[in-house]
Amino acid sequence: MNKETSTLRSLANIIIRAVDSMERAYAHAALPLPSLDKPFNPEDPAEALAQNPQVVAASKNLVAACAQMSATVWNPRRTMLNNALAYQISSCLHAVSDFNVVEVLREAGENGLSVKDIGAAVGVDPGLIERILRLLATHHIFREVSPGVFANNRISSTLDKGKPSNVLFANRETRFAGSSGIAAFVEVLAEMGGKSANYLAESLRTPGLLPFNLAYNTTEPMFEWMERPESIYHVNRFAVAMEGTAAMEQEDAIFRGFDWGALPCESVIVDVGGGSGHVSLTIVKKYPHLRVVNQDFSSPIETSRVHWKENFPEHLDRQMVEFQVHDFFNPQPVKNAAVFLLRHIMHDWPDDQAVLILKNLREAAQQETQLVVIEKVVPFASAGTPADLKMAQIRGAKEPVAETPLLPNWGAAVADIYLYDLTMHALLGGIERTSQGFYELFTKAGWKLVEIHQTPGTQLSHIVGVPA
């Protein structure tokens, strides 16, 4: 038996074991595996089971092995061209979300709707909408019920904004309000991220300008560009999109790493750049003995006041939460923090600016203050350990490694980490960091990296530091 045949058989065995594991988990719970052909229902117990760490681990092996097997056996030239054309998928996702196709199909029901009726409902040429939907259905997004008739499936329905289609068409500016944020997130990634990413090569030849600058013909950083009056739609969509990042995680994922319950009574959590404060709100709902200071710019802070009043008014009534307008590039005003919490903040910034943010926190920290950074930690695509032996002394820093012959990082099953990384670069000059990258960042800012909680069932890690 030659090596490649042996590799295929090994991959097939991984697939079989992963399927067995998933089937056992669903059989034990007396639940069916969620159907690809049915709309996604976050309240379905079967969907909750899909987030169980055991099922996630099996799914991860399954996805990695299937993708590696496909890459091994398929024509490499066709594989290369398919990857080069993959931008068409994101552009079609943006189009169907922008024109509320998912909501129109939701109203049509499981039997679907003809492209003629879809086109009439959304104001798009039926022939073109058919081509868009067929491309997506070929990638298991939507399903073609019969020739020229399409319906939602488990994947497409995640774009549902939860409103009647006529309401969405009547007021495009507010169509994301009250949604899960997934559609807004997809549109930001597909439109702004996609348009910017097309300028990656050109930006490498243009020092000082990011792909975003070239795509939008501006020298302003993205966040400054979004402050323009004409960018208000982008601002509102972006705000909801950031809430959508939380919808990607189970609510209890925040409790699978750092031990918030161990903090003493009335300890202060400073939610730095916290937006609506939905993460710190989740924490103190479980541990109401903790105080929160939510910090951000004025517009997100006003949104935060409303969010807390609607979702946890008791904490406001007890004066256990404070809303503070603050720019984290300025000195930190809170001097009694037990924890500085930064979720999805560091990846927005290159190292020099990220160090400045952390230095401001370090200068305000007490000796017992802890820094909790919640981010993705980028795994290496090769086996082995970083050259810096100091990393070996940090609890949780050792990366899990997939079984052979899978790529050590699980390949396609974690590909979104690397996609996010280059999207952050294209838009902001930001970076998703390796564990070594966080170690160096903390050290430059006066913090000591002491532990990395690689939280089960989620890609986000809790990276913990203390004053050096």
Protein backbone atom coordinates (compact mmCIF):
# COMPACT_ATOMS: atom_id res chain seq x y z
CA MET A 1 0.00 0.00 0.00
CA ASN A 2 1.56 3.33 -1.03
CA LYS A 3 1.73 6.36 1.23
CA GLU A 4 -1.13 8.32 -0.37
CA THR A 5 -3.49 5.36 -0.19
CA SER A 6 -2.51 4.92 3.45
CA THR A 7 -3.22 8.60 4.10
CA LEU A 8 -6.68 8.30 2.55
CA ARG A 9 -7.47 5.29 4.69
CA SER A 10 -6.28 7.11 7.83
CA LEU A 11 -8.45 10.10 6.99
CA ALA A 12 -11.41 7.80 6.34
CA ASN A 13 -10.90 6.19 9.75
CA ILE A 14 -10.90 9.60 11.43
CA ILE A 15 -14.16 10.41 9.65
CA ILE A 16 -15.76 7.14 10.75
CA ARG A 17 -14.73 7.63 14.40
CA ALA A 18 -16.03 11.22 14.37
CA VAL A 19 -19.38 10.12 12.92
CA ASP A 20 -19.65 7.37 15.54
CA SER A 21 -18.94 9.89 18.31
CA MET A 22 -21.55 12.33 17.05
CA GLU A 23 -24.18 9.64 16.57
CA ARG A 24 -23.59 8.35 20.10
CA ALA A 25 -23.99 11.85 21.55
CA TYR A 26 -27.28 12.45 19.73
CA ALA A 27 -28.59 8.96 20.46
CA HIS A 28 -27.79 9.37 24.16
CA ALA A 29 -29.76 12.64 24.17
CA ALA A 30 -32.56 11.07 22.08
CA LEU A 31 -32.22 13.91 19.59
CA PRO A 32 -31.81 13.92 15.81
CA LEU A 33 -28.80 15.56 14.19
CA PRO A 34 -29.94 19.01 12.94
CA SER A 35 -31.00 18.71 9.29
CA LEU A 36 -29.18 20.76 6.68
CA ASP A 37 -32.49 21.16 4.81
CA LYS A 38 -34.36 22.72 7.74
CA PRO A 39 -34.04 26.35 8.91
CA PHE A 40 -31.73 27.00 11.84
CA ASN A 41 -33.55 27.21 15.17
CA PRO A 42 -31.31 28.38 18.04
CA GLU A 43 -33.93 27.20 20.55
CA ASP A 44 -33.77 23.62 19.27
CA PRO A 45 -32.12 21.34 21.89
CA ALA A 46 -30.36 19.56 19.01
CA GLU A 47 -28.64 22.85 18.12
CA ALA A 48 -27.55 23.30 21.72
CA LEU A 49 -26.08 19.80 21.66
CA ALA A 50 -24.13 20.76 18.53
CA GLN A 51 -22.20 23.19 20.77
CA ASN A 52 -21.37 20.50 23.33
CA PRO A 53 -17.54 20.25 23.61
CA GLN A 54 -17.63 16.51 22.78
CA VAL A 55 -19.69 17.11 19.64
CA VAL A 56 -17.59 20.12 18.67
CA ALA A 57 -14.42 18.02 18.96
CA ALA A 58 -15.89 15.31 16.73
CA SER A 59 -17.14 17.90 14.24
CA LYS A 60 -13.70 19.50 14.17
CA ASN A 61 -12.05 16.20 13.25
CA LEU A 62 -14.76 15.48 10.68
CA VAL A 63 -14.46 18.84 8.93
CA ALA A 64 -10.66 18.73 8.95
CA ALA A 65 -10.50 15.19 7.59
CA CYS A 66 -13.13 15.73 4.87
CA ALA A 67 -11.41 18.90 3.65
CA GLN A 68 -7.97 17.28 3.66
CA MET A 69 -9.30 14.27 1.80
CA SER A 70 -10.89 16.54 -0.83
CA ALA A 71 -7.64 18.49 -1.23
CA THR A 72 -5.72 15.23 -1.56
CA VAL A 73 -7.85 13.63 -4.28
CA TRP A 74 -9.26 16.53 -6.31
CA ASN A 75 -7.63 18.06 -9.39
CA PRO A 76 -5.15 20.61 -7.95
CA ARG A 77 -5.68 23.08 -10.80
CA ARG A 78 -9.45 23.08 -10.29
CA THR A 79 -8.91 23.44 -6.55
CA MET A 80 -6.68 26.44 -7.14
CA LEU A 81 -9.16 28.12 -9.50
CA ASN A 82 -12.09 27.45 -7.17
CA ASN A 83 -10.20 29.19 -4.39
CA ALA A 84 -9.35 32.10 -6.66
CA LEU A 85 -13.05 32.48 -7.50
CA ALA A 86 -14.27 32.13 -3.90
CA TYR A 87 -14.90 35.90 -3.72
CA GLN A 88 -18.07 35.22 -5.71
CA ILE A 89 -19.52 33.38 -2.72
CA SER A 90 -19.04 36.33 -0.37
CA SER A 91 -20.37 38.79 -2.96
CA CYS A 92 -23.50 36.66 -3.41
CA LEU A 93 -23.98 36.44 0.37
CA HIS A 94 -23.84 40.21 0.58
CA ALA A 95 -26.39 40.50 -2.22
CA VAL A 96 -28.96 38.09 -0.75
CA SER A 97 -28.67 39.72 2.66
CA ASP A 98 -28.88 43.25 1.29
CA PHE A 99 -32.02 42.34 -0.67
CA ASN A 100 -33.63 40.40 2.20
CA VAL A 101 -33.96 37.18 0.20
CA VAL A 102 -33.82 34.99 3.31
CA GLU A 103 -36.80 36.75 4.86
CA VAL A 104 -38.82 36.49 1.64
CA LEU A 105 -38.12 32.75 1.53
CA ARG A 106 -38.94 32.36 5.22
CA GLU A 107 -42.38 33.82 4.52
CA ALA A 108 -42.82 31.45 1.57
CA GLY A 109 -42.32 28.39 3.76
CA GLU A 110 -40.52 25.10 3.30
CA ASN A 111 -41.84 24.52 -0.23
CA GLY A 112 -39.85 27.52 -1.40
CA LEU A 113 -40.52 30.17 -4.01
CA SER A 114 -39.88 30.41 -7.74
CA VAL A 115 -37.18 32.77 -8.94
CA LYS A 116 -39.86 34.73 -10.77
CA ASP A 117 -41.65 35.42 -7.47
CA ILE A 118 -38.39 36.02 -5.60
CA GLY A 119 -37.28 38.52 -8.22
CA ALA A 120 -40.61 40.34 -8.04
CA ALA A 121 -40.46 40.49 -4.23
CA VAL A 122 -36.92 41.85 -4.02
CA GLY A 123 -36.84 43.91 -7.23
CA VAL A 124 -34.07 41.94 -8.95
CA ASP A 125 -33.96 40.29 -12.38
CA PRO A 126 -35.21 36.69 -11.83
CA GLY A 127 -32.54 35.21 -14.08
CA LEU A 128 -29.76 36.81 -12.06
CA ILE A 129 -31.24 35.95 -8.68
CA GLU A 130 -31.52 32.34 -9.89
CA ARG A 131 -27.82 32.25 -10.75
CA ILE A 132 -26.88 33.79 -7.40
CA LEU A 133 -28.99 31.33 -5.42
CA ARG A 134 -27.81 28.33 -7.43
CA LEU A 135 -24.17 29.16 -6.75
CA LEU A 136 -24.94 29.41 -3.04
CA ALA A 137 -27.09 26.26 -3.04
CA THR A 138 -24.19 24.41 -4.65
CA HIS A 139 -22.19 25.38 -1.57
CA HIS A 140 -25.02 24.16 0.71
CA ILE A 141 -26.33 27.69 1.40
CA PHE A 142 -30.06 27.64 0.45
CA ARG A 143 -31.53 24.61 -1.32
CA GLU A 144 -33.02 24.27 -4.78
CA VAL A 145 -36.29 22.44 -4.07
CA SER A 146 -37.03 21.94 -7.77
CA PRO A 147 -35.64 23.62 -10.89
CA GLY A 148 -35.81 27.38 -10.31
CA VAL A 149 -37.51 27.05 -6.90
CA PHE A 150 -35.46 27.87 -3.80
CA ALA A 151 -35.96 27.63 -0.04
CA ASN A 152 -33.95 28.37 3.07
CA ASN A 153 -31.87 25.75 4.82
CA ARG A 154 -29.95 25.53 8.10
CA ILE A 155 -27.12 27.73 6.84
CA SER A 156 -28.97 30.38 4.83
CA SER A 157 -31.50 30.96 7.59
CA THR A 158 -28.77 32.24 9.94
CA LEU A 159 -28.99 35.47 7.88
CA ASP A 160 -32.62 35.99 8.95
CA LYS A 161 -33.01 39.43 10.55
CA GLY A 162 -36.20 38.34 12.27
CA LYS A 163 -38.55 40.90 10.74
CA PRO A 164 -41.24 40.85 8.03
CA SER A 165 -39.70 41.49 4.62
CA ASN A 166 -41.97 44.49 3.95
CA VAL A 167 -40.64 46.17 7.13
CA LEU A 168 -37.07 45.56 6.00
CA PHE A 169 -37.68 47.02 2.55
CA ALA A 170 -39.57 50.00 4.00
CA ASN A 171 -36.64 51.19 6.13
CA ARG A 172 -33.26 49.94 5.02
CA GLU A 173 -31.40 52.11 7.56
CA THR A 174 -32.80 50.29 10.60
CA ARG A 175 -33.25 46.79 9.22
CA PHE A 176 -30.55 45.28 11.48
CA ALA A 177 -31.94 46.70 14.72
CA GLY A 178 -33.06 43.91 17.04
CA SER A 179 -31.53 41.17 14.88
CA SER A 180 -29.02 38.53 16.01
CA GLY A 181 -26.29 40.53 14.28
CA ILE A 182 -25.20 37.65 12.04
CA ALA A 183 -26.54 39.26 8.84
CA ALA A 184 -24.88 42.56 9.73
CA PHE A 185 -21.62 40.76 10.48
CA VAL A 186 -21.75 38.87 7.18
CA GLU A 187 -22.39 42.08 5.25
CA VAL A 188 -19.50 43.91 6.92
CA LEU A 189 -17.16 41.01 6.15
CA ALA A 190 -18.41 40.47 2.61
CA GLU A 191 -18.69 44.10 1.56
CA MET A 192 -16.10 46.13 3.45
CA GLY A 193 -13.75 43.23 4.12
CA GLY A 194 -14.11 41.78 0.64
CA LYS A 195 -13.69 45.08 -1.17
CA SER A 196 -10.60 45.88 0.90
CA ALA A 197 -9.05 42.42 0.57
CA ASN A 198 -8.93 42.81 -3.22
CA TYR A 199 -6.25 45.48 -2.69
CA LEU A 200 -3.92 43.34 -0.56
CA ALA A 201 -1.21 42.91 -3.22
CA GLU A 202 -1.39 46.57 -4.23
CA SER A 203 -1.09 47.68 -0.60
CA LEU A 204 2.12 45.67 -0.23
CA ARG A 205 3.61 47.98 -2.85
CA THR A 206 2.14 51.10 -1.19
CA PRO A 207 3.81 51.63 2.22
CA GLY A 208 1.64 53.44 4.75
CA LEU A 209 -1.70 52.56 3.16
CA LEU A 210 -3.86 49.60 4.09
CA PRO A 211 -6.06 47.71 1.63
CA PHE A 212 -9.05 49.58 3.14
CA ASN A 213 -7.49 52.94 2.26
CA LEU A 214 -7.00 51.92 -1.34
CA ALA A 215 -10.46 50.35 -1.65
CA TYR A 216 -12.28 53.38 -0.25
CA ASN A 217 -9.88 56.02 -1.62
CA THR A 218 -9.13 57.57 1.76
CA THR A 219 -6.11 58.14 3.96
CA GLU A 220 -8.22 57.97 7.12
CA PRO A 221 -8.24 54.87 9.34
CA MET A 222 -11.48 52.93 9.06
CA PHE A 223 -12.89 54.05 12.41
CA GLU A 224 -12.27 57.73 11.55
CA TRP A 225 -13.78 57.22 8.09
CA MET A 226 -16.87 55.79 9.77
CA GLU A 227 -17.31 59.01 11.75
CA ARG A 228 -18.25 60.88 8.58
CA PRO A 229 -21.96 61.82 8.43
CA GLU A 230 -22.34 59.93 5.16
CA SER A 231 -21.03 56.76 6.83
CA ILE A 232 -23.86 56.49 9.36
CA TYR A 233 -25.28 53.35 7.70
CA HIS A 234 -21.89 51.64 7.99
CA VAL A 235 -21.61 52.72 11.64
CA ASN A 236 -25.02 51.35 12.60
CA ARG A 237 -24.47 48.11 10.73
CA PHE A 238 -21.02 47.69 12.29
CA ALA A 239 -22.40 48.18 15.81
CA VAL A 240 -24.97 45.43 15.31
CA ALA A 241 -22.33 43.25 13.64
CA MET A 242 -20.20 43.41 16.79
CA GLU A 243 -23.15 42.09 18.76
CA GLY A 244 -23.31 39.32 16.17
CA THR A 245 -19.87 38.15 17.28
CA ALA A 246 -21.45 37.23 20.61
CA ALA A 247 -24.19 35.28 18.81
CA MET A 248 -21.43 33.08 17.38
CA GLU A 249 -20.71 31.82 20.89
CA GLN A 250 -22.81 30.08 23.50
CA GLU A 251 -23.73 32.51 26.25
CA ASP A 252 -22.00 30.41 28.90
CA ALA A 253 -18.70 30.37 26.95
CA ILE A 254 -17.57 33.38 28.98
CA PHE A 255 -17.57 31.10 32.05
CA ARG A 256 -15.36 28.37 30.54
CA GLY A 257 -12.11 30.20 31.15
CA PHE A 258 -11.31 32.90 33.71
CA ASP A 259 -13.01 32.30 37.08
CA TRP A 260 -15.20 35.40 37.49
CA GLY A 261 -16.92 33.92 40.53
CA ALA A 262 -13.63 33.92 42.47
CA LEU A 263 -13.51 37.73 42.46
CA PRO A 264 -14.33 39.27 45.87
CA CYS A 265 -17.62 41.05 46.50
CA GLU A 266 -17.91 44.48 44.83
CA SER A 267 -14.84 43.86 42.67
CA VAL A 268 -14.79 46.20 39.68
CA ILE A 269 -14.68 44.83 36.13
CA VAL A 270 -13.76 47.53 33.63
CA ASP A 271 -15.18 46.51 30.24
CA VAL A 272 -12.70 48.40 28.03
CA GLY A 273 -14.21 49.25 24.65
CA GLY A 274 -17.21 47.22 25.76
CA GLY A 275 -19.77 48.48 23.24
CA SER A 276 -23.21 47.62 24.56
CA GLY A 277 -21.59 45.84 27.49
CA HIS A 278 -23.30 42.56 26.62
CA VAL A 279 -20.32 40.48 27.80
CA SER A 280 -19.92 42.10 31.21
CA LEU A 281 -23.71 42.01 31.59
CA THR A 282 -23.66 38.25 31.07
CA ILE A 283 -20.95 37.93 33.72
CA VAL A 284 -22.71 39.93 36.43
CA LYS A 285 -26.06 38.32 35.77
CA LYS A 286 -24.45 35.15 37.11
CA TYR A 287 -22.28 36.96 39.66
CA PRO A 288 -24.31 40.02 40.75
CA HIS A 289 -21.83 40.78 43.54
CA LEU A 290 -19.51 42.30 40.90
CA ARG A 291 -19.45 45.90 39.73
CA VAL A 292 -19.03 46.97 36.10
CA VAL A 293 -17.65 50.10 34.46
CA ASN A 294 -18.50 49.94 30.76
CA GLN A 295 -16.25 52.18 28.64
CA ASP A 296 -16.56 53.22 25.02
CA PHE A 297 -17.27 56.24 22.81
CA SER A 298 -20.43 58.26 23.43
CA SER A 299 -22.68 56.57 20.85
CA PRO A 300 -22.03 52.98 22.03
CA ILE A 301 -22.36 54.11 25.63
CA GLU A 302 -25.84 55.48 24.99
CA THR A 303 -26.72 52.16 23.36
CA SER A 304 -25.28 50.41 26.40
CA ARG A 305 -27.50 52.33 28.83
CA VAL A 306 -30.57 51.14 26.94
CA HIS A 307 -29.25 47.57 26.66
CA TRP A 308 -28.65 47.28 30.41
CA LYS A 309 -31.96 48.90 31.29
CA GLU A 310 -33.79 46.39 29.12
CA ASN A 311 -31.81 43.32 30.16
CA PHE A 312 -30.57 43.84 33.75
CA PRO A 313 -32.27 46.88 35.32
CA GLU A 314 -31.63 45.51 38.82
CA HIS A 315 -27.92 46.19 38.47
CA LEU A 316 -28.65 49.80 37.51
CA ASP A 317 -31.06 50.18 40.43
CA ARG A 318 -28.35 48.95 42.81
CA GLN A 319 -25.86 51.37 41.21
CA MET A 320 -23.54 48.47 40.41
CA VAL A 321 -22.87 49.53 36.82
CA GLU A 322 -21.35 52.77 35.52
CA PHE A 323 -21.27 54.01 31.93
CA GLN A 324 -18.16 55.93 31.04
CA VAL A 325 -17.21 57.69 27.81
CA HIS A 326 -13.53 56.93 27.35
CA ASP A 327 -10.93 56.57 24.60
CA PHE A 328 -8.57 53.75 25.55
CA PHE A 329 -5.64 55.56 23.93
CA ASN A 330 -5.92 58.08 26.77
CA PRO A 331 -4.91 57.46 30.41
CA GLN A 332 -7.25 55.04 32.16
CA PRO A 333 -9.39 56.87 34.77
CA VAL A 334 -10.42 53.80 36.83
CA LYS A 335 -7.76 53.10 39.47
CA ASN A 336 -9.47 50.37 41.52
CA ALA A 337 -10.10 47.74 38.86
CA ALA A 338 -10.00 44.09 39.85
CA VAL A 339 -10.09 43.15 36.16
CA PHE A 340 -9.54 45.04 32.94
CA LEU A 341 -11.58 43.10 30.38
CA LEU A 342 -10.86 43.51 26.66
CA ARG A 343 -12.90 41.35 24.29
CA HIS A 344 -12.17 41.61 20.57
CA ILE A 345 -10.13 44.79 21.11
CA MET A 346 -6.48 43.82 20.65
CA HIS A 347 -7.00 42.32 17.20
CA ASP A 348 -8.13 45.71 15.88
CA TRP A 349 -4.67 47.22 16.33
CA PRO A 350 -1.07 46.70 15.21
CA ASP A 351 1.46 46.04 17.96
CA ASP A 352 2.55 49.63 18.64
CA GLN A 353 -1.00 50.83 19.26
CA ALA A 354 -1.98 47.67 21.13
CA VAL A 355 0.97 48.22 23.47
CA LEU A 356 -0.20 51.78 24.12
CA ILE A 357 -3.67 50.53 25.10
CA LEU A 358 -2.20 48.01 27.53
CA LYS A 359 0.32 50.50 28.93
CA ASN A 360 -2.52 52.87 29.85
CA LEU A 361 -4.18 50.02 31.74
CA ARG A 362 -0.92 49.01 33.41
CA GLU A 363 -0.37 52.53 34.72
CA ALA A 364 -3.83 52.48 36.33
CA ALA A 365 -3.52 48.94 37.69
CA GLN A 366 -3.06 47.96 41.30
CA GLN A 367 -0.71 45.09 42.10
CA GLU A 368 -3.64 42.66 42.36
CA THR A 369 -5.36 43.86 39.16
CA GLN A 370 -5.74 41.23 36.46
CA LEU A 371 -5.87 41.73 32.70
CA VAL A 372 -8.23 39.44 30.78
CA VAL A 373 -7.97 39.60 27.00
CA ILE A 374 -10.55 37.53 25.13
CA GLU A 375 -9.37 36.81 21.60
CA LYS A 376 -8.61 34.02 19.20
CA VAL A 377 -5.12 32.58 19.61
CA VAL A 378 -3.73 31.68 16.19
CA PRO A 379 -2.37 28.13 16.10
CA PHE A 380 0.65 27.21 14.01
CA ALA A 381 0.02 25.10 10.92
CA SER A 382 3.02 22.95 11.76
CA ALA A 383 3.96 20.73 14.66
CA GLY A 384 6.58 21.80 17.18
CA THR A 385 6.92 24.56 19.75
CA PRO A 386 7.98 28.23 19.49
CA ALA A 387 11.67 28.94 19.93
CA ASP A 388 11.06 30.99 23.10
CA LEU A 389 11.24 28.49 25.97
CA LYS A 390 9.55 30.97 28.32
CA MET A 391 6.23 30.03 26.72
CA ALA A 392 6.56 26.53 28.18
CA GLN A 393 6.22 28.03 31.68
CA ILE A 394 2.84 29.62 30.98
CA ARG A 395 -0.19 27.59 32.03
CA GLY A 396 -2.36 26.60 29.07
CA ALA A 397 0.03 27.92 26.42
CA LYS A 398 0.72 24.51 24.92
CA GLU A 399 -1.41 24.12 21.82
CA PRO A 400 -3.49 21.00 21.24
CA VAL A 401 -2.40 19.11 18.13
CA ALA A 402 -4.61 17.10 15.76
CA GLU A 403 -3.88 13.46 15.16
CA THR A 404 -1.84 12.41 12.14
CA PRO A 405 -2.32 12.75 9.18
CA LEU A 406 -4.47 15.83 9.84
CA LEU A 407 -2.76 19.19 9.73
CA PRO A 408 -1.62 19.89 13.31
CA ASN A 409 -3.97 22.90 13.54
CA TRP A 410 -7.02 20.99 12.14
CA GLY A 411 -6.78 22.79 8.80
CA ALA A 412 -10.14 23.78 7.31
CA ALA A 413 -11.88 23.37 10.67
CA VAL A 414 -10.04 26.46 11.97
CA ALA A 415 -9.57 28.30 8.68
CA ASP A 416 -11.80 31.16 9.82
CA ILE A 417 -9.14 32.23 12.34
CA TYR A 418 -6.73 32.99 9.51
CA LEU A 419 -9.48 34.58 7.42
CA TYR A 420 -10.29 36.93 10.31
CA ASP A 421 -6.59 37.68 10.73
CA LEU A 422 -6.13 38.99 7.20
CA THR A 423 -9.51 40.75 7.32
CA MET A 424 -8.34 42.64 10.41
CA HIS A 425 -5.18 43.61 8.53
CA ALA A 426 -7.08 44.70 5.42
CA LEU A 427 -9.51 46.91 7.34
CA LEU A 428 -7.52 48.17 10.31
CA GLY A 429 -3.93 46.99 10.16
CA GLY A 430 -4.91 44.69 13.03
CA ILE A 431 -3.76 41.16 13.73
CA GLU A 432 -4.96 37.92 15.29
CA ARG A 433 -1.99 36.85 17.39
CA THR A 434 -0.24 33.61 18.27
CA SER A 435 0.41 32.82 21.94
CA GLN A 436 3.96 34.07 21.35
CA GLY A 437 2.54 37.31 19.94
CA PHE A 438 0.47 37.89 23.08
CA TYR A 439 3.48 37.12 25.29
CA GLU A 440 5.55 39.78 23.52
CA LEU A 441 2.68 42.29 23.56
CA PHE A 442 2.09 41.88 27.29
CA THR A 443 5.82 42.12 28.07
CA LYS A 444 6.26 45.38 26.13
CA ALA A 445 3.29 46.91 27.98
CA GLY A 446 4.43 45.98 31.50
CA TRP A 447 2.17 42.96 31.98
CA LYS A 448 3.17 39.37 32.68
CA LEU A 449 1.28 36.69 30.75
CA VAL A 450 0.45 34.00 33.33
CA GLU A 451 -2.25 31.80 31.82
CA ILE A 452 -4.14 31.03 28.62
CA HIS A 453 -7.54 29.39 29.03
CA GLN A 454 -8.26 27.56 25.79
CA THR A 455 -11.99 27.39 26.38
CA PRO A 456 -13.72 24.19 25.21
CA GLY A 457 -16.36 24.51 22.52
CA THR A 458 -15.24 27.96 21.39
CA GLN A 459 -12.36 29.50 19.46
CA LEU A 460 -11.96 32.33 21.92
CA SER A 461 -9.28 32.04 24.59
CA HIS A 462 -9.01 33.96 27.88
CA ILE A 463 -5.48 35.35 28.01
CA VAL A 464 -4.68 36.42 31.57
CA GLY A 465 -1.98 38.83 32.70
CA VAL A 466 -0.86 40.46 35.94
CA PRO A 467 1.32 43.52 36.52
CA ALA A 468 4.98 42.69 35.84
